[in-house]
């Protein structure tokens, strides 16, 4: 397998996109397929942000601490997510990606429904474990499926559109969940999201067709999982992109999980008002930022595949600075002002990492490599970040909202290490792509 990069780093003419299934049937229109994948992703992120959006009512209902809420936001979800991510991604490198995605969506939606039936914190935690198993079947297979549907020159836009799901889902979980809870109760929000997810899972499975595989790559000998992971971890660019994703996500996800609670405590807002204010303040700029990043990355990266990582470093550095300023703003007006550049820059940096991974990884390892990076990211962002911030908040609880601010101020600056890793990856991307192609 040869690299599409010629001398000087210029990208050669991309290979034509796959247009048929393995049986020779025409593929689903790629924009329709992408739209359904985005809808699945919206439900994925809405579910993740439903717990943070309803943190105060859930705390009051069960009488639990910030530390326990951090466990529900993070480890309860990530416990089996991390265990299942790699085996499911490995399966997606050889079997139907859309069947895996649809099955995962149906599975996590069922456990979202069960989350609303929990009668104790332990039952809610077990339901979140089930959600984590289902969501392990989404991100890596979806990234690989998009790479199969879209040529290299259009992947920035495709991943940018997929990235909008983060902010639509965030607004749905943080604003929609409390709105449903205000009209009924917090359990109803979980019931509604679970039923919607099962309907969308069925639609995706019926409509999206699996693309044919590259016959050369698909017929090549398959490395066992252990040697595959060793090969990927031994690749500098994979380690660097994993660092960017892990620490950038640790910074941003921790802030996103605790942000509504911070707005509620610091500015005296109700649960519904805090969730809606936070979601809209960051969600709309984030939507614009992720779309702008994708289109800009495709345009500027036409002759230089590393441009996406340069843009990632710039955007992640700016977003990290802005959310620190939001965290310590004494007025809601200042917080909303800083939220605008934070959302614009924070919206797109992960698009550059995902696009860079799909460019770097050969088809035979694409889902597995993506899953490895996302697994590492999840361990830091979803397991460590929310619990760390919650534990520090409990330790200095006498400081009021400053306790949560201190917890967030330990987690957020890790994004700057991600900036460093992105710049380092610029220098190794092309060499490592060639080495993986020849491995």
Protein backbone atom coordinates (compact mmCIF):
# COMPACT_ATOMS: atom_id res chain seq x y z
CA UNK A 1 0.00 0.00 0.00
CA UNK A 2 1.57 3.29 -1.06
CA UNK A 3 1.16 6.68 0.53
CA UNK A 4 -0.88 9.32 -1.35
CA UNK A 5 1.78 11.84 -0.34
CA UNK A 6 4.36 12.74 -2.91
CA UNK A 7 7.58 14.63 -2.39
CA UNK A 8 7.22 17.87 -0.49
CA UNK A 9 4.10 16.69 1.36
CA UNK A 10 1.64 17.54 -1.44
CA UNK A 11 -1.42 15.31 -1.53
CA UNK A 12 -1.82 13.31 -4.72
CA UNK A 13 -5.19 12.94 -6.42
CA UNK A 14 -7.46 11.02 -4.02
CA UNK A 15 -8.72 7.58 -4.86
CA UNK A 16 -12.36 7.49 -5.96
CA UNK A 17 -14.85 6.93 -3.18
CA UNK A 18 -16.45 3.50 -2.79
CA UNK A 19 -19.88 3.55 -4.47
CA UNK A 20 -21.21 0.00 -4.03
CA UNK A 21 -21.89 -2.55 -1.31
CA UNK A 22 -20.19 -5.94 -1.20
CA UNK A 23 -23.14 -7.38 -3.16
CA UNK A 24 -22.81 -4.73 -5.90
CA UNK A 25 -25.85 -2.64 -4.86
CA UNK A 26 -25.48 1.15 -4.98
CA UNK A 27 -24.61 2.75 -1.67
CA UNK A 28 -27.00 4.90 0.30
CA UNK A 29 -26.59 8.56 -0.68
CA UNK A 30 -23.54 9.53 1.37
CA UNK A 31 -25.14 12.72 2.74
CA UNK A 32 -28.21 10.78 3.86
CA UNK A 33 -25.94 8.19 5.49
CA UNK A 34 -23.98 10.97 7.19
CA UNK A 35 -27.22 12.61 8.37
CA UNK A 36 -28.31 9.40 10.07
CA UNK A 37 -24.89 8.94 11.66
CA UNK A 38 -25.10 12.51 12.94
CA UNK A 39 -28.55 11.80 14.39
CA UNK A 40 -27.22 8.71 16.18
CA UNK A 41 -24.33 10.83 17.48
CA UNK A 42 -26.73 13.52 18.73
CA UNK A 43 -28.49 10.90 20.85
CA UNK A 44 -25.10 9.60 22.00
CA UNK A 45 -24.03 13.00 23.34
CA UNK A 46 -27.48 13.97 24.61
CA UNK A 47 -27.36 10.88 26.79
CA UNK A 48 -23.90 11.75 28.11
CA UNK A 49 -24.96 15.30 29.03
CA UNK A 50 -28.32 14.33 30.51
CA UNK A 51 -26.73 13.39 33.86
CA UNK A 52 -24.83 16.74 34.14
CA UNK A 53 -27.94 18.66 33.09
CA UNK A 54 -29.96 16.98 35.82
CA UNK A 55 -27.15 16.84 38.41
CA UNK A 56 -28.91 18.93 41.04
CA UNK A 57 -32.32 17.12 40.90
CA UNK A 58 -30.56 13.72 40.92
CA UNK A 59 -28.39 14.79 43.88
CA UNK A 60 -31.47 15.99 45.76
CA UNK A 61 -33.50 12.86 44.90
CA UNK A 62 -30.86 10.41 46.15
CA UNK A 63 -29.11 12.67 48.70
CA UNK A 64 -25.61 12.12 47.28
CA UNK A 65 -22.38 14.16 47.19
CA UNK A 66 -20.45 15.84 44.36
CA UNK A 67 -18.00 12.94 44.44
CA UNK A 68 -20.81 10.44 43.80
CA UNK A 69 -22.19 12.63 41.02
CA UNK A 70 -18.73 12.66 39.48
CA UNK A 71 -18.74 8.86 39.58
CA UNK A 72 -22.12 8.76 37.83
CA UNK A 73 -20.92 11.22 35.17
CA UNK A 74 -17.65 9.38 34.56
CA UNK A 75 -16.60 5.91 35.77
CA UNK A 76 -20.11 4.43 35.88
CA UNK A 77 -20.39 5.14 32.15
CA UNK A 78 -16.76 4.47 31.23
CA UNK A 79 -16.22 1.26 33.25
CA UNK A 80 -17.22 -1.17 30.49
CA UNK A 81 -17.01 1.39 27.67
CA UNK A 82 -13.24 1.09 27.89
CA UNK A 83 -13.35 -2.71 28.09
CA UNK A 84 -15.56 -3.15 25.01
CA UNK A 85 -14.22 -0.36 22.77
CA UNK A 86 -11.26 -2.23 21.26
CA UNK A 87 -12.92 -5.64 20.66
CA UNK A 88 -15.93 -3.96 19.02
CA UNK A 89 -13.67 -1.76 16.87
CA UNK A 90 -11.68 -4.84 15.87
CA UNK A 91 -14.93 -6.44 14.77
CA UNK A 92 -15.81 -3.29 12.80
CA UNK A 93 -12.56 -3.58 10.82
CA UNK A 94 -13.82 -6.92 9.46
CA UNK A 95 -17.64 -6.89 9.69
CA UNK A 96 -20.61 -4.59 9.03
CA UNK A 97 -19.96 -1.23 10.66
CA UNK A 98 -23.55 -0.01 10.30
CA UNK A 99 -24.94 -3.16 11.98
CA UNK A 100 -22.57 -2.59 14.91
CA UNK A 101 -23.49 1.12 15.15
CA UNK A 102 -27.25 0.47 15.00
CA UNK A 103 -27.01 -2.39 17.48
CA UNK A 104 -25.00 -0.25 19.88
CA UNK A 105 -27.48 2.63 19.62
CA UNK A 106 -30.39 0.32 20.41
CA UNK A 107 -28.49 -1.19 23.34
CA UNK A 108 -27.48 2.09 25.00
CA UNK A 109 -30.95 3.56 24.42
CA UNK A 110 -32.53 0.63 26.26
CA UNK A 111 -30.26 1.28 29.25
CA UNK A 112 -31.01 5.01 29.05
CA UNK A 113 -34.65 4.03 29.46
CA UNK A 114 -33.67 1.90 32.47
CA UNK A 115 -31.75 4.87 33.94
CA UNK A 116 -35.07 6.63 34.40
CA UNK A 117 -36.39 3.63 36.35
CA UNK A 118 -33.54 3.58 38.89
CA UNK A 119 -34.63 3.65 42.54
CA UNK A 120 -31.14 4.01 44.06
CA UNK A 121 -27.73 5.44 43.11
CA UNK A 122 -26.43 1.88 42.65
CA UNK A 123 -29.19 1.04 40.16
CA UNK A 124 -28.53 4.27 38.27
CA UNK A 125 -24.81 3.45 38.17
CA UNK A 126 -25.53 -0.04 36.78
CA UNK A 127 -27.77 1.45 34.10
CA UNK A 128 -24.96 3.85 33.13
CA UNK A 129 -22.62 0.86 32.82
CA UNK A 130 -25.03 -0.58 30.24
CA UNK A 131 -25.07 2.75 28.41
CA UNK A 132 -21.27 2.64 28.28
CA UNK A 133 -21.26 -0.82 26.69
CA UNK A 134 -23.62 0.36 23.95
CA UNK A 135 -21.76 3.58 23.25
CA UNK A 136 -18.51 1.62 22.81
CA UNK A 137 -20.02 0.49 19.49
CA UNK A 138 -20.38 3.98 18.06
CA UNK A 139 -17.42 6.32 17.65
CA UNK A 140 -14.68 4.22 16.08
CA UNK A 141 -17.00 2.29 13.70
CA UNK A 142 -18.69 5.58 12.69
CA UNK A 143 -15.34 7.26 11.94
CA UNK A 144 -14.28 4.28 9.81
CA UNK A 145 -17.65 4.23 8.00
CA UNK A 146 -17.39 7.94 7.16
CA UNK A 147 -13.85 7.35 5.83
CA UNK A 148 -15.32 4.64 3.55
CA UNK A 149 -18.14 6.88 2.30
CA UNK A 150 -16.08 10.07 1.77
CA UNK A 151 -12.82 10.69 -0.12
CA UNK A 152 -9.88 12.31 1.69
CA UNK A 153 -10.60 15.78 0.26
CA UNK A 154 -14.08 15.87 1.84
CA UNK A 155 -13.46 14.21 5.19
CA UNK A 156 -12.86 17.47 7.06
CA UNK A 157 -16.38 18.60 6.18
CA UNK A 158 -17.85 15.19 6.93
CA UNK A 159 -16.22 15.00 10.36
CA UNK A 160 -17.18 18.62 11.03
CA UNK A 161 -20.84 17.81 10.37
CA UNK A 162 -20.50 14.76 12.64
CA UNK A 163 -18.93 17.07 15.23
CA UNK A 164 -22.03 19.25 15.31
CA UNK A 165 -23.68 16.35 17.15
CA UNK A 166 -21.59 17.15 20.22
CA UNK A 167 -23.19 20.57 20.54
CA UNK A 168 -26.69 19.61 19.45
CA UNK A 169 -26.54 16.69 21.88
CA UNK A 170 -25.11 18.92 24.58
CA UNK A 171 -27.97 21.38 24.16
CA UNK A 172 -30.44 18.50 24.16
CA UNK A 173 -29.03 16.99 27.36
CA UNK A 174 -28.32 20.21 29.26
CA UNK A 175 -31.33 22.26 28.15
CA UNK A 176 -33.88 19.71 26.93
CA UNK A 177 -33.45 17.36 29.88
CA UNK A 178 -34.12 20.01 32.56
CA UNK A 179 -37.03 21.37 30.50
CA UNK A 180 -38.66 17.92 30.48
CA UNK A 181 -37.86 17.53 34.19
CA UNK A 182 -39.50 20.90 34.95
CA UNK A 183 -42.66 19.82 33.12
CA UNK A 184 -42.68 16.32 34.64
CA UNK A 185 -39.69 14.84 36.52
CA UNK A 186 -36.06 13.93 35.82
CA UNK A 187 -36.92 10.28 35.13
CA UNK A 188 -39.15 11.25 32.19
CA UNK A 189 -36.19 12.85 30.41
CA UNK A 190 -34.38 9.48 30.40
CA UNK A 191 -37.51 7.68 29.20
CA UNK A 192 -37.98 10.07 26.27
CA UNK A 193 -34.36 9.85 25.14
CA UNK A 194 -34.30 6.07 25.41
CA UNK A 195 -37.39 5.59 23.22
CA UNK A 196 -36.10 8.08 20.62
CA UNK A 197 -32.77 6.24 20.45
CA UNK A 198 -34.35 2.86 19.75
CA UNK A 199 -36.38 4.35 16.88
CA UNK A 200 -33.31 6.00 15.32
CA UNK A 201 -31.26 2.80 15.69
CA UNK A 202 -33.83 0.89 13.65
CA UNK A 203 -33.94 3.60 10.96
CA UNK A 204 -30.13 3.64 10.61
CA UNK A 205 -29.97 -0.14 10.26
CA UNK A 206 -32.70 -0.20 7.60
CA UNK A 207 -31.42 2.73 5.50
CA UNK A 208 -27.60 2.90 5.61
CA UNK A 209 -25.82 0.28 3.47
CA UNK A 210 -22.39 -1.10 4.29
CA UNK A 211 -19.73 -0.13 1.69
CA UNK A 212 -17.64 -2.78 -0.03
CA UNK A 213 -14.18 -3.25 1.49
CA UNK A 214 -10.91 -2.65 -0.31
CA UNK A 215 -10.35 -6.22 -1.62
CA UNK A 216 -6.57 -5.99 -1.26
CA UNK A 217 -6.64 -4.72 2.32
CA UNK A 218 -9.50 -7.02 3.31
CA UNK A 219 -7.67 -10.09 1.97
CA UNK A 220 -4.42 -9.24 3.74
CA UNK A 221 -3.41 -11.34 6.76
CA UNK A 222 -5.01 -10.04 9.94
CA UNK A 223 -2.69 -9.33 12.86
CA UNK A 224 -4.01 -10.52 16.22
CA UNK A 225 -5.28 -7.76 18.50
CA UNK A 226 -2.20 -7.76 20.73
CA UNK A 227 0.35 -7.22 17.92
CA UNK A 228 -1.98 -4.67 16.31
CA UNK A 229 -2.07 -2.60 19.52
CA UNK A 230 1.71 -2.95 19.86
CA UNK A 231 2.15 -1.68 16.28
CA UNK A 232 -0.14 1.29 16.87
CA UNK A 233 1.28 2.27 20.26
CA UNK A 234 4.76 2.00 18.79
CA UNK A 235 3.87 4.66 16.21
CA UNK A 236 4.82 8.16 17.47
CA UNK A 237 1.98 9.95 15.67
CA UNK A 238 -0.62 7.62 17.19
CA UNK A 239 0.77 8.29 20.69
CA UNK A 240 0.80 12.04 20.08
CA UNK A 241 -2.74 12.14 18.66
CA UNK A 242 -3.89 10.06 21.63
CA UNK A 243 -2.29 12.63 23.94
CA UNK A 244 -4.05 15.50 22.15
CA UNK A 245 -7.41 13.75 22.34
CA UNK A 246 -6.97 12.59 25.95
CA UNK A 247 -5.82 15.86 27.51
CA UNK A 248 -7.88 18.15 25.29
CA UNK A 249 -10.94 16.10 26.21
CA UNK A 250 -9.98 15.97 29.90
CA UNK A 251 -9.96 19.76 29.86
CA UNK A 252 -13.12 20.35 27.82
CA UNK A 253 -15.30 17.43 28.91
CA UNK A 254 -14.70 18.04 32.62
CA UNK A 255 -15.71 21.67 32.14
CA UNK A 256 -18.74 20.63 30.07
CA UNK A 257 -19.88 18.10 32.67
CA UNK A 258 -19.64 20.48 35.63
CA UNK A 259 -20.40 23.75 33.83
CA UNK A 260 -24.19 23.74 34.44
CA UNK A 261 -23.65 23.07 38.17
CA UNK A 262 -21.10 25.92 38.25
CA UNK A 263 -23.59 28.31 36.62
CA UNK A 264 -26.28 27.24 39.08
CA UNK A 265 -24.07 27.72 42.15
CA UNK A 266 -22.09 30.78 41.09
CA UNK A 267 -24.91 32.84 39.57
CA UNK A 268 -27.95 31.67 41.55
CA UNK A 269 -29.77 30.17 38.55
CA UNK A 270 -32.36 27.40 38.69
CA UNK A 271 -31.41 23.97 37.33
CA UNK A 272 -33.43 24.57 34.15
CA UNK A 273 -32.05 28.10 33.62
CA UNK A 274 -28.45 27.03 34.32
CA UNK A 275 -28.62 24.13 31.88
CA UNK A 276 -30.25 26.20 29.15
CA UNK A 277 -27.92 29.18 29.64
CA UNK A 278 -24.78 27.03 29.61
CA UNK A 279 -25.90 24.94 26.64
CA UNK A 280 -26.88 27.91 24.49
CA UNK A 281 -23.86 30.01 25.47
CA UNK A 282 -21.45 27.31 24.35
CA UNK A 283 -23.60 25.25 22.00
CA UNK A 284 -24.33 27.79 19.28
CA UNK A 285 -20.72 29.07 19.01
CA UNK A 286 -19.57 25.45 19.16
CA UNK A 287 -21.78 24.53 16.20
CA UNK A 288 -20.37 27.40 14.16
CA UNK A 289 -16.84 26.55 15.29
CA UNK A 290 -16.97 22.89 14.33
CA UNK A 291 -18.43 23.66 10.88
CA UNK A 292 -15.95 26.45 10.28
CA UNK A 293 -13.04 24.26 11.36
CA UNK A 294 -14.03 21.46 8.99
CA UNK A 295 -14.42 23.65 5.93
CA UNK A 296 -11.26 25.63 6.74
CA UNK A 297 -9.26 22.44 7.30
CA UNK A 298 -10.36 21.02 3.92
CA UNK A 299 -9.50 24.27 2.15
CA UNK A 300 -6.12 24.95 3.78
CA UNK A 301 -5.18 21.27 3.95
CA UNK A 302 -5.68 20.59 0.26
CA UNK A 303 -1.91 20.46 -0.31
CA UNK A 304 -0.76 19.82 3.26
CA UNK A 305 -2.34 17.09 5.37
CA UNK A 306 -0.67 18.44 8.53
CA UNK A 307 -2.62 21.72 8.38
CA UNK A 308 -5.50 20.15 10.28
CA UNK A 309 -3.17 19.45 13.23
CA UNK A 310 -1.78 22.99 13.15
CA UNK A 311 -5.34 24.31 13.32
CA UNK A 312 -6.07 21.85 16.13
CA UNK A 313 -3.18 23.21 18.22
CA UNK A 314 -4.31 26.81 17.74
CA UNK A 315 -7.98 26.07 18.50
CA UNK A 316 -7.30 23.89 21.56
CA UNK A 317 -4.93 26.46 23.08
CA UNK A 318 -7.44 29.28 22.64
CA UNK A 319 -10.37 27.25 23.94
CA UNK A 320 -8.46 26.14 27.05
CA UNK A 321 -7.65 29.75 27.91
CA UNK A 322 -11.23 30.90 27.39
CA UNK A 323 -12.87 28.22 29.57
CA UNK A 324 -10.46 29.06 32.39
CA UNK A 325 -11.67 32.65 32.13
CA UNK A 326 -15.30 31.47 32.17
CA UNK A 327 -14.64 29.36 35.26
CA UNK A 328 -13.43 32.34 37.30
CA UNK A 329 -15.76 35.01 35.92
CA UNK A 330 -17.67 36.68 38.74
CA UNK A 331 -20.61 37.70 36.53
CA UNK A 332 -22.86 35.75 34.21
CA UNK A 333 -22.41 38.43 31.54
CA UNK A 334 -18.63 37.94 31.47
CA UNK A 335 -19.03 34.16 31.38
CA UNK A 336 -21.32 34.39 28.37
CA UNK A 337 -18.92 36.82 26.69
CA UNK A 338 -15.95 34.44 27.09
CA UNK A 339 -18.16 31.52 26.01
CA UNK A 340 -18.33 32.90 22.46
CA UNK A 341 -14.61 32.47 21.57
CA UNK A 342 -14.43 29.35 23.75
CA UNK A 343 -17.15 27.69 21.68
CA UNK A 344 -15.80 28.89 18.34
CA UNK A 345 -12.32 27.52 19.03
CA UNK A 346 -13.32 24.53 21.13
CA UNK A 347 -15.87 23.34 18.62
CA UNK A 348 -13.47 22.06 16.00
CA UNK A 349 -10.15 20.91 17.42
CA UNK A 350 -11.21 17.26 17.81
CA UNK A 351 -12.27 17.22 14.13
CA UNK A 352 -8.63 17.77 13.22
CA UNK A 353 -7.54 14.84 15.40
CA UNK A 354 -10.14 12.45 13.93
CA UNK A 355 -9.38 13.50 10.35
CA UNK A 356 -5.66 13.16 11.05
CA UNK A 357 -6.19 9.65 12.41
CA UNK A 358 -8.19 8.51 9.38
CA UNK A 359 -5.44 9.91 7.14
CA UNK A 360 -2.68 8.22 9.14
CA UNK A 361 -4.21 4.77 9.67
CA UNK A 362 -4.42 2.11 6.93
CA UNK A 363 -7.89 0.68 6.28
CA UNK A 364 -7.10 -2.63 8.00
CA UNK A 365 -6.43 -0.85 11.32
CA UNK A 366 -8.64 2.22 10.99
CA UNK A 367 -11.42 1.39 13.45
CA UNK A 368 -9.05 -0.33 15.88
CA UNK A 369 -6.61 2.60 15.87
CA UNK A 370 -9.39 5.13 16.29
CA UNK A 371 -10.85 3.09 19.14
CA UNK A 372 -7.47 2.90 20.87
CA UNK A 373 -7.14 6.69 20.81
CA UNK A 374 -10.74 7.16 21.98
CA UNK A 375 -10.30 4.59 24.74
CA UNK A 376 -7.28 6.47 26.11
CA UNK A 377 -9.23 9.71 25.77
CA UNK A 378 -12.22 8.29 27.64
CA UNK A 379 -10.07 7.06 30.52
CA UNK A 380 -8.74 10.57 31.04
CA UNK A 381 -11.75 12.70 30.12
CA UNK A 382 -14.68 10.66 31.39
CA UNK A 383 -13.13 8.66 34.22
CA UNK A 384 -10.52 11.00 35.71
CA UNK A 385 -11.77 14.51 34.97
CA UNK A 386 -15.30 14.65 36.45
CA UNK A 387 -14.30 12.67 39.56
CA UNK A 388 -11.20 14.80 40.16
CA UNK A 389 -13.20 18.02 39.92
CA UNK A 390 -15.99 16.65 42.11
CA UNK A 391 -13.58 15.35 44.78
CA UNK A 392 -11.73 18.66 44.97
CA UNK A 393 -15.06 20.47 45.17
CA UNK A 394 -16.09 18.34 48.16
CA UNK A 395 -12.75 18.91 49.90
CA UNK A 396 -13.16 22.69 49.75
CA UNK A 397 -16.96 22.75 49.98
CA UNK A 398 -16.83 25.59 52.49
CA UNK A 399 -15.65 27.88 49.69
CA UNK A 400 -19.05 27.69 47.95
CA UNK A 401 -18.82 27.90 44.16
CA UNK A 402 -15.06 28.46 44.51
CA UNK A 403 -14.71 24.80 45.50
CA UNK A 404 -15.93 23.70 42.09
CA UNK A 405 -13.84 26.42 40.44
CA UNK A 406 -10.71 25.07 42.11
CA UNK A 407 -11.51 21.54 40.97
CA UNK A 408 -12.04 22.70 37.38
CA UNK A 409 -8.84 24.76 37.47
CA UNK A 410 -6.81 21.60 38.10
CA UNK A 411 -8.37 19.75 35.15
CA UNK A 412 -8.70 22.47 32.49
CA UNK A 413 -5.01 23.44 31.99
CA UNK A 414 -4.16 19.90 30.84
CA UNK A 415 -5.38 21.12 27.44
CA UNK A 416 -2.09 23.01 27.03
CA UNK A 417 -0.17 19.71 27.02
CA UNK A 418 -2.48 18.61 24.21
CA UNK A 419 -1.44 21.71 22.25
CA UNK A 420 2.20 20.68 22.56
CA UNK A 421 1.39 17.13 21.38
CA UNK A 422 -0.47 18.44 18.32
CA UNK A 423 2.56 20.49 17.23
CA UNK A 424 4.81 17.47 17.72
CA UNK A 425 2.51 15.29 15.58
CA UNK A 426 2.87 17.70 12.64
CA UNK A 427 6.48 16.61 12.20
CA UNK A 428 5.87 12.84 12.36
CA UNK A 429 2.57 12.35 10.51
CA UNK A 430 3.86 11.66 6.97
CA UNK A 431 6.71 9.37 8.05
CA UNK A 432 4.43 7.33 10.29
CA UNK A 433 1.76 7.03 7.62
CA UNK A 434 4.31 5.46 5.27
CA UNK A 435 5.61 3.12 7.97
CA UNK A 436 2.09 1.90 8.85
CA UNK A 437 1.27 1.36 5.17
CA UNK A 438 4.32 -0.86 4.81
CA UNK A 439 3.88 -2.75 8.10
